[in-house]
Amino acid sequence: MPDPRRQTPLFERLDLAVTIADIEARCAAVKLALQEMVQRQELLEEALTVPGRESYGRRLMHRAPDGRYTVVVMSWGPGQGTPIHDHAGLWCVECVYRERVRVVSYDLVEELGEDRVRFKIADEVVARVGEAGALIPPFDFHIIENPFDVTAVTVHVYGGEMNRCDVFDAQAGGTHLRRSRELQYTTD
């Protein structure tokens, strides 16, 4: 892992962006910082961009010393992706660094009790290099996947440390079952 004390133009920009009180303006500033990082072609350490053996890679790039945000690099091998999930109350900005990914956002339509919910698709995009989006709770239900035949890389900035989230498993009748998932960083 890179030295978290090392400052880069990206981390300096993020340090300023997270001080913005309005969450939409904060996410817009983070989004701009990520897009400019990609445009400047700041290189990520290659070790951060390798998919995991069993699943997509999720590697910590930077943790702000004050805990206000983390930067996580995710690498997506062909066919890898997430289930529908949320961000456990944290805002997030995601930017494509290499290749492209498919992102499907969902609206929560109905809570049926016993952790069962019903979703409807709200939006679906193929995001390409330099494209970024913000997820601000409660509008953060989504999947990210790589249905393409090359490895894709995305950079995510979370409003804190995302070490758990809720995932939603498809059930009969078009419903989904909510369960909590502890998150780890990829070490292989």
C-alpha atoms as a PDB file:
ATOM      1  CA  MET A   1       0.000   0.000   0.000  1.00  0.00           C
ATOM      2  CA  PRO A   2       1.282   3.496  -0.748  1.00  0.00           C
ATOM      3  CA  ASP A   3       2.458   5.651   2.131  1.00  0.00           C
ATOM      4  CA  PRO A   4      -0.747   7.332   3.403  1.00  0.00           C
ATOM      5  CA  ARG A   5       1.239  10.393   4.483  1.00  0.00           C
ATOM      6  CA  ARG A   6       2.361  11.059   0.918  1.00  0.00           C
ATOM      7  CA  GLN A   7       0.382  13.936  -0.546  1.00  0.00           C
ATOM      8  CA  THR A   8      -0.541  14.110  -4.195  1.00  0.00           C
ATOM      9  CA  PRO A   9      -2.499  16.776  -6.014  1.00  0.00           C
ATOM     10  CA  LEU A  10      -5.520  14.457  -5.766  1.00  0.00           C
ATOM     11  CA  PHE A  11      -5.313  14.092  -1.982  1.00  0.00           C
ATOM     12  CA  GLU A  12      -4.782  17.836  -1.535  1.00  0.00           C
ATOM     13  CA  ARG A  13      -7.897  18.517  -3.645  1.00  0.00           C
ATOM     14  CA  LEU A  14      -9.893  15.942  -1.710  1.00  0.00           C
ATOM     15  CA  ASP A  15      -8.777  17.411   1.630  1.00  0.00           C
ATOM     16  CA  LEU A  16     -10.348  20.710   0.525  1.00  0.00           C
ATOM     17  CA  ALA A  17     -13.417  19.187  -1.101  1.00  0.00           C
ATOM     18  CA  VAL A  18     -14.535  17.289   2.014  1.00  0.00           C
ATOM     19  CA  THR A  19     -14.671  20.541   4.001  1.00  0.00           C
ATOM     20  CA  ILE A  20     -17.631  21.731   1.888  1.00  0.00           C
ATOM     21  CA  ALA A  21     -20.750  21.556   4.042  1.00  0.00           C
ATOM     22  CA  ASP A  22     -23.328  20.986   1.297  1.00  0.00           C
ATOM     23  CA  ILE A  23     -23.125  17.291   0.379  1.00  0.00           C
ATOM     24  CA  GLU A  24     -24.036  17.800  -3.291  1.00  0.00           C
ATOM     25  CA  ALA A  25     -21.405  20.529  -3.695  1.00  0.00           C
ATOM     26  CA  ARG A  26     -18.882  18.344  -1.818  1.00  0.00           C
ATOM     27  CA  CYS A  27     -19.536  15.417  -4.166  1.00  0.00           C
ATOM     28  CA  ALA A  28     -19.276  17.729  -7.194  1.00  0.00           C
ATOM     29  CA  ALA A  29     -15.854  18.936  -6.000  1.00  0.00           C
ATOM     30  CA  VAL A  30     -14.690  15.345  -5.391  1.00  0.00           C
ATOM     31  CA  LYS A  31     -15.978  14.338  -8.827  1.00  0.00           C
ATOM     32  CA  LEU A  32     -14.043  17.177 -10.489  1.00  0.00           C
ATOM     33  CA  ALA A  33     -10.854  16.214  -8.606  1.00  0.00           C
ATOM     34  CA  LEU A  34     -11.153  12.591  -9.771  1.00  0.00           C
ATOM     35  CA  GLN A  35     -11.896  13.551 -13.359  1.00  0.00           C
ATOM     36  CA  GLU A  36      -8.894  15.876 -13.459  1.00  0.00           C
ATOM     37  CA  MET A  37      -6.688  13.132 -12.002  1.00  0.00           C
ATOM     38  CA  VAL A  38      -7.717  10.867 -14.879  1.00  0.00           C
ATOM     39  CA  GLN A  39      -7.262  13.651 -17.455  1.00  0.00           C
ATOM     40  CA  ARG A  40      -3.740  14.353 -16.129  1.00  0.00           C
ATOM     41  CA  GLN A  41      -3.143  10.631 -16.428  1.00  0.00           C
ATOM     42  CA  GLU A  42      -1.807  10.378 -12.885  1.00  0.00           C
ATOM     43  CA  LEU A  43      -0.682   6.794 -12.741  1.00  0.00           C
ATOM     44  CA  LEU A  44      -1.968   4.439 -10.119  1.00  0.00           C
ATOM     45  CA  GLU A  45       0.476   1.927  -8.716  1.00  0.00           C
ATOM     46  CA  GLU A  46       0.002  -1.178 -10.845  1.00  0.00           C
ATOM     47  CA  ALA A  47      -0.495  -3.357  -7.741  1.00  0.00           C
ATOM     48  CA  LEU A  48      -3.709  -1.420  -7.034  1.00  0.00           C
ATOM     49  CA  THR A  49      -5.200  -2.256 -10.442  1.00  0.00           C
ATOM     50  CA  VAL A  50      -5.130  -6.076 -10.398  1.00  0.00           C
ATOM     51  CA  PRO A  51      -8.431  -7.951  -9.916  1.00  0.00           C
ATOM     52  CA  GLY A  52      -8.634 -10.396  -7.032  1.00  0.00           C
ATOM     53  CA  ARG A  53      -8.438 -14.120  -7.666  1.00  0.00           C
ATOM     54  CA  GLU A  54     -12.013 -14.808  -6.580  1.00  0.00           C
ATOM     55  CA  SER A  55     -13.680 -11.436  -7.110  1.00  0.00           C
ATOM     56  CA  TYR A  56     -13.044  -7.846  -8.069  1.00  0.00           C
ATOM     57  CA  GLY A  57     -10.082  -6.184  -6.375  1.00  0.00           C
ATOM     58  CA  ARG A  58     -10.778  -3.642  -3.619  1.00  0.00           C
ATOM     59  CA  ARG A  59      -7.615  -1.904  -2.455  1.00  0.00           C
ATOM     60  CA  LEU A  60      -7.089   1.039  -0.135  1.00  0.00           C
ATOM     61  CA  MET A  61      -5.166   3.839  -1.843  1.00  0.00           C
ATOM     62  CA  HIS A  62      -5.479   6.519   0.834  1.00  0.00           C
ATOM     63  CA  ARG A  63      -7.159   7.087   4.180  1.00  0.00           C
ATOM     64  CA  ALA A  64      -7.412  10.717   5.276  1.00  0.00           C
ATOM     65  CA  PRO A  65      -5.680  11.107   8.649  1.00  0.00           C
ATOM     66  CA  ASP A  66      -8.826  12.707  10.086  1.00  0.00           C
ATOM     67  CA  GLY A  67     -11.016   9.842   8.782  1.00  0.00           C
ATOM     68  CA  ARG A  68     -13.220  12.135   6.659  1.00  0.00           C
ATOM     69  CA  TYR A  69     -12.701  10.098   3.499  1.00  0.00           C
ATOM     70  CA  THR A  70     -10.973   7.091   1.968  1.00  0.00           C
ATOM     71  CA  VAL A  71      -9.845   6.486  -1.595  1.00  0.00           C
ATOM     72  CA  VAL A  72     -10.325   2.919  -2.814  1.00  0.00           C
ATOM     73  CA  VAL A  73      -9.228   1.481  -6.163  1.00  0.00           C
ATOM     74  CA  MET A  74     -11.390  -1.294  -7.548  1.00  0.00           C
ATOM     75  CA  SER A  75     -10.298  -3.537 -10.395  1.00  0.00           C
ATOM     76  CA  TRP A  76     -12.852  -5.537 -12.331  1.00  0.00           C
ATOM     77  CA  GLY A  77     -11.864  -8.592 -14.337  1.00  0.00           C
ATOM     78  CA  PRO A  78     -14.139  -9.666 -17.189  1.00  0.00           C
ATOM     79  CA  GLY A  79     -17.480 -10.812 -15.776  1.00  0.00           C
ATOM     80  CA  GLN A  80     -16.814  -9.515 -12.244  1.00  0.00           C
ATOM     81  CA  GLY A  81     -19.312  -7.304 -10.437  1.00  0.00           C
ATOM     82  CA  THR A  82     -21.256  -6.591  -7.287  1.00  0.00           C
ATOM     83  CA  PRO A  83     -24.735  -7.576  -6.180  1.00  0.00           C
ATOM     84  CA  ILE A  84     -27.213  -4.756  -5.567  1.00  0.00           C
ATOM     85  CA  HIS A  85     -25.821  -2.931  -2.556  1.00  0.00           C
ATOM     86  CA  ASP A  86     -25.845   0.352  -0.654  1.00  0.00           C
ATOM     87  CA  HIS A  87     -23.039   2.322   0.951  1.00  0.00           C
ATOM     88  CA  ALA A  88     -24.156   2.048   4.577  1.00  0.00           C
ATOM     89  CA  GLY A  89     -25.054   5.734   4.798  1.00  0.00           C
ATOM     90  CA  LEU A  90     -21.802   7.050   3.271  1.00  0.00           C
ATOM     91  CA  TRP A  91     -21.682   9.332   0.256  1.00  0.00           C
ATOM     92  CA  CYS A  92     -19.429   8.128  -2.547  1.00  0.00           C
ATOM     93  CA  VAL A  93     -18.028   9.390  -5.829  1.00  0.00           C
ATOM     94  CA  GLU A  94     -16.918   6.769  -8.358  1.00  0.00           C
ATOM     95  CA  CYS A  95     -14.788   7.496 -11.435  1.00  0.00           C
ATOM     96  CA  VAL A  96     -13.631   5.188 -14.217  1.00  0.00           C
ATOM     97  CA  TYR A  97      -9.843   5.156 -14.465  1.00  0.00           C
ATOM     98  CA  ARG A  98      -9.352   2.447 -17.100  1.00  0.00           C
ATOM     99  CA  GLU A  99     -11.700   0.920 -19.719  1.00  0.00           C
ATOM    100  CA  ARG A 100     -15.427   0.953 -18.828  1.00  0.00           C
ATOM    101  CA  VAL A 101     -17.992  -0.485 -16.413  1.00  0.00           C
ATOM    102  CA  ARG A 102     -21.747  -0.893 -16.371  1.00  0.00           C
ATOM    103  CA  VAL A 103     -23.589   0.791 -13.495  1.00  0.00           C
ATOM    104  CA  VAL A 104     -27.240   0.096 -12.754  1.00  0.00           C
ATOM    105  CA  SER A 105     -28.975   2.295 -10.159  1.00  0.00           C
ATOM    106  CA  TYR A 106     -32.131   1.192  -8.373  1.00  0.00           C
ATOM    107  CA  ASP A 107     -34.994   2.911  -6.590  1.00  0.00           C
ATOM    108  CA  LEU A 108     -36.350   1.220  -3.479  1.00  0.00           C
ATOM    109  CA  VAL A 109     -40.035   0.780  -4.302  1.00  0.00           C
ATOM    110  CA  GLU A 110     -41.324  -1.160  -1.327  1.00  0.00           C
ATOM    111  CA  GLU A 111     -40.155  -2.522   2.026  1.00  0.00           C
ATOM    112  CA  LEU A 112     -41.986  -5.797   2.649  1.00  0.00           C
ATOM    113  CA  GLY A 113     -40.740  -6.574   6.151  1.00  0.00           C
ATOM    114  CA  GLU A 114     -38.349  -9.297   7.315  1.00  0.00           C
ATOM    115  CA  ASP A 115     -35.566  -7.586   5.333  1.00  0.00           C
ATOM    116  CA  ARG A 116     -37.380  -8.111   2.020  1.00  0.00           C
ATOM    117  CA  VAL A 117     -37.558  -5.219  -0.425  1.00  0.00           C
ATOM    118  CA  ARG A 118     -38.619  -4.548  -3.972  1.00  0.00           C
ATOM    119  CA  PHE A 119     -36.546  -2.440  -6.380  1.00  0.00           C
ATOM    120  CA  LYS A 120     -37.036  -0.980  -9.815  1.00  0.00           C
ATOM    121  CA  ILE A 121     -34.260   0.046 -12.165  1.00  0.00           C
ATOM    122  CA  ALA A 122     -33.813   3.812 -12.090  1.00  0.00           C
ATOM    123  CA  ASP A 123     -30.908   4.198 -14.505  1.00  0.00           C
ATOM    124  CA  GLU A 124     -28.339   2.188 -16.406  1.00  0.00           C
ATOM    125  CA  VAL A 125     -25.127   3.548 -17.904  1.00  0.00           C
ATOM    126  CA  VAL A 126     -21.899   2.327 -19.380  1.00  0.00           C
ATOM    127  CA  ALA A 127     -19.335   4.615 -17.793  1.00  0.00           C
ATOM    128  CA  ARG A 128     -16.087   5.230 -19.658  1.00  0.00           C
ATOM    129  CA  VAL A 129     -12.683   6.608 -18.707  1.00  0.00           C
ATOM    130  CA  GLY A 130     -13.025   9.922 -16.890  1.00  0.00           C
ATOM    131  CA  GLU A 131     -16.751   9.605 -16.269  1.00  0.00           C
ATOM    132  CA  ALA A 132     -17.808   9.904 -12.641  1.00  0.00           C
ATOM    133  CA  GLY A 133     -20.988   9.735 -10.615  1.00  0.00           C
ATOM    134  CA  ALA A 134     -22.054  10.434  -7.060  1.00  0.00           C
ATOM    135  CA  LEU A 135     -24.110   8.247  -4.762  1.00  0.00           C
ATOM    136  CA  ILE A 136     -25.748  10.152  -1.942  1.00  0.00           C
ATOM    137  CA  PRO A 137     -27.925   8.196   0.506  1.00  0.00           C
ATOM    138  CA  PRO A 138     -30.740   7.346   0.391  1.00  0.00           C
ATOM    139  CA  PHE A 139     -30.189   7.164  -3.392  1.00  0.00           C
ATOM    140  CA  ASP A 140     -27.278   4.737  -3.361  1.00  0.00           C
ATOM    141  CA  PHE A 141     -28.674   1.322  -4.363  1.00  0.00           C
ATOM    142  CA  HIS A 142     -26.705   0.049  -7.363  1.00  0.00           C
ATOM    143  CA  ILE A 143     -24.511  -2.566  -8.979  1.00  0.00           C
ATOM    144  CA  ILE A 144     -21.201  -2.147 -10.780  1.00  0.00           C
ATOM    145  CA  GLU A 145     -20.078  -4.818 -13.188  1.00  0.00           C
ATOM    146  CA  ASN A 146     -17.649  -5.463 -15.989  1.00  0.00           C
ATOM    147  CA  PRO A 147     -19.449  -7.341 -18.766  1.00  0.00           C
ATOM    148  CA  PHE A 148     -16.562  -6.632 -21.137  1.00  0.00           C
ATOM    149  CA  ASP A 149     -13.514  -8.735 -22.032  1.00  0.00           C
ATOM    150  CA  VAL A 150     -10.778  -6.523 -20.528  1.00  0.00           C
ATOM    151  CA  THR A 151      -9.959  -5.468 -16.965  1.00  0.00           C
ATOM    152  CA  ALA A 152     -11.530  -2.185 -15.870  1.00  0.00           C
ATOM    153  CA  VAL A 153     -10.388   0.037 -12.996  1.00  0.00           C
ATOM    154  CA  THR A 154     -12.435   2.528 -10.976  1.00  0.00           C
ATOM    155  CA  VAL A 155     -11.483   4.945  -8.192  1.00  0.00           C
ATOM    156  CA  HIS A 156     -13.963   5.477  -5.339  1.00  0.00           C
ATOM    157  CA  VAL A 157     -13.926   8.209  -2.704  1.00  0.00           C
ATOM    158  CA  TYR A 158     -16.113   7.436   0.310  1.00  0.00           C
ATOM    159  CA  GLY A 159     -17.195   9.842   3.036  1.00  0.00           C
ATOM    160  CA  GLY A 160     -15.438   7.741   5.681  1.00  0.00           C
ATOM    161  CA  GLU A 161     -14.267   4.142   5.803  1.00  0.00           C
ATOM    162  CA  MET A 162     -16.725   1.777   4.161  1.00  0.00           C
ATOM    163  CA  ASN A 163     -16.159  -1.472   6.012  1.00  0.00           C
ATOM    164  CA  ARG A 164     -19.693  -2.844   5.669  1.00  0.00           C
ATOM    165  CA  CYS A 165     -22.755  -2.448   3.492  1.00  0.00           C
ATOM    166  CA  ASP A 166     -26.104  -4.070   2.863  1.00  0.00           C
ATOM    167  CA  VAL A 167     -26.364  -6.365  -0.151  1.00  0.00           C
ATOM    168  CA  PHE A 168     -29.633  -7.510  -1.667  1.00  0.00           C
ATOM    169  CA  ASP A 169     -30.022 -11.076  -2.920  1.00  0.00           C
ATOM    170  CA  ALA A 170     -32.666 -11.750  -5.593  1.00  0.00           C
ATOM    171  CA  GLN A 171     -35.604 -13.852  -4.400  1.00  0.00           C
ATOM    172  CA  ALA A 172     -38.638 -15.371  -6.097  1.00  0.00           C
ATOM    173  CA  GLY A 173     -41.349 -12.936  -7.118  1.00  0.00           C
ATOM    174  CA  GLY A 174     -39.024 -10.047  -7.910  1.00  0.00           C
ATOM    175  CA  THR A 175     -38.098  -9.277  -4.311  1.00  0.00           C
ATOM    176  CA  HIS A 176     -34.662  -9.005  -2.719  1.00  0.00           C
ATOM    177  CA  LEU A 177     -33.454 -10.122   0.706  1.00  0.00           C
ATOM    178  CA  ARG A 178     -31.258  -7.643   2.614  1.00  0.00           C
ATOM    179  CA  ARG A 179     -28.207  -8.921   4.458  1.00  0.00           C
ATOM    180  CA  SER A 180     -25.257  -7.127   5.998  1.00  0.00           C
ATOM    181  CA  ARG A 181     -21.830  -7.776   4.506  1.00  0.00           C
ATOM    182  CA  GLU A 182     -18.491  -6.993   6.111  1.00  0.00           C
ATOM    183  CA  LEU A 183     -16.036  -5.615   3.557  1.00  0.00           C
ATOM    184  CA  GLN A 184     -12.335  -6.344   3.341  1.00  0.00           C
ATOM    185  CA  TYR A 185      -9.528  -5.004   1.219  1.00  0.00           C
ATOM    186  CA  THR A 186      -8.017  -7.370  -1.316  1.00  0.00           C
ATOM    187  CA  THR A 187      -4.615  -8.620  -0.232  1.00  0.00           C
ATOM    188  CA  ASP A 188      -3.651 -10.981  -3.074  1.00  0.00           C
END
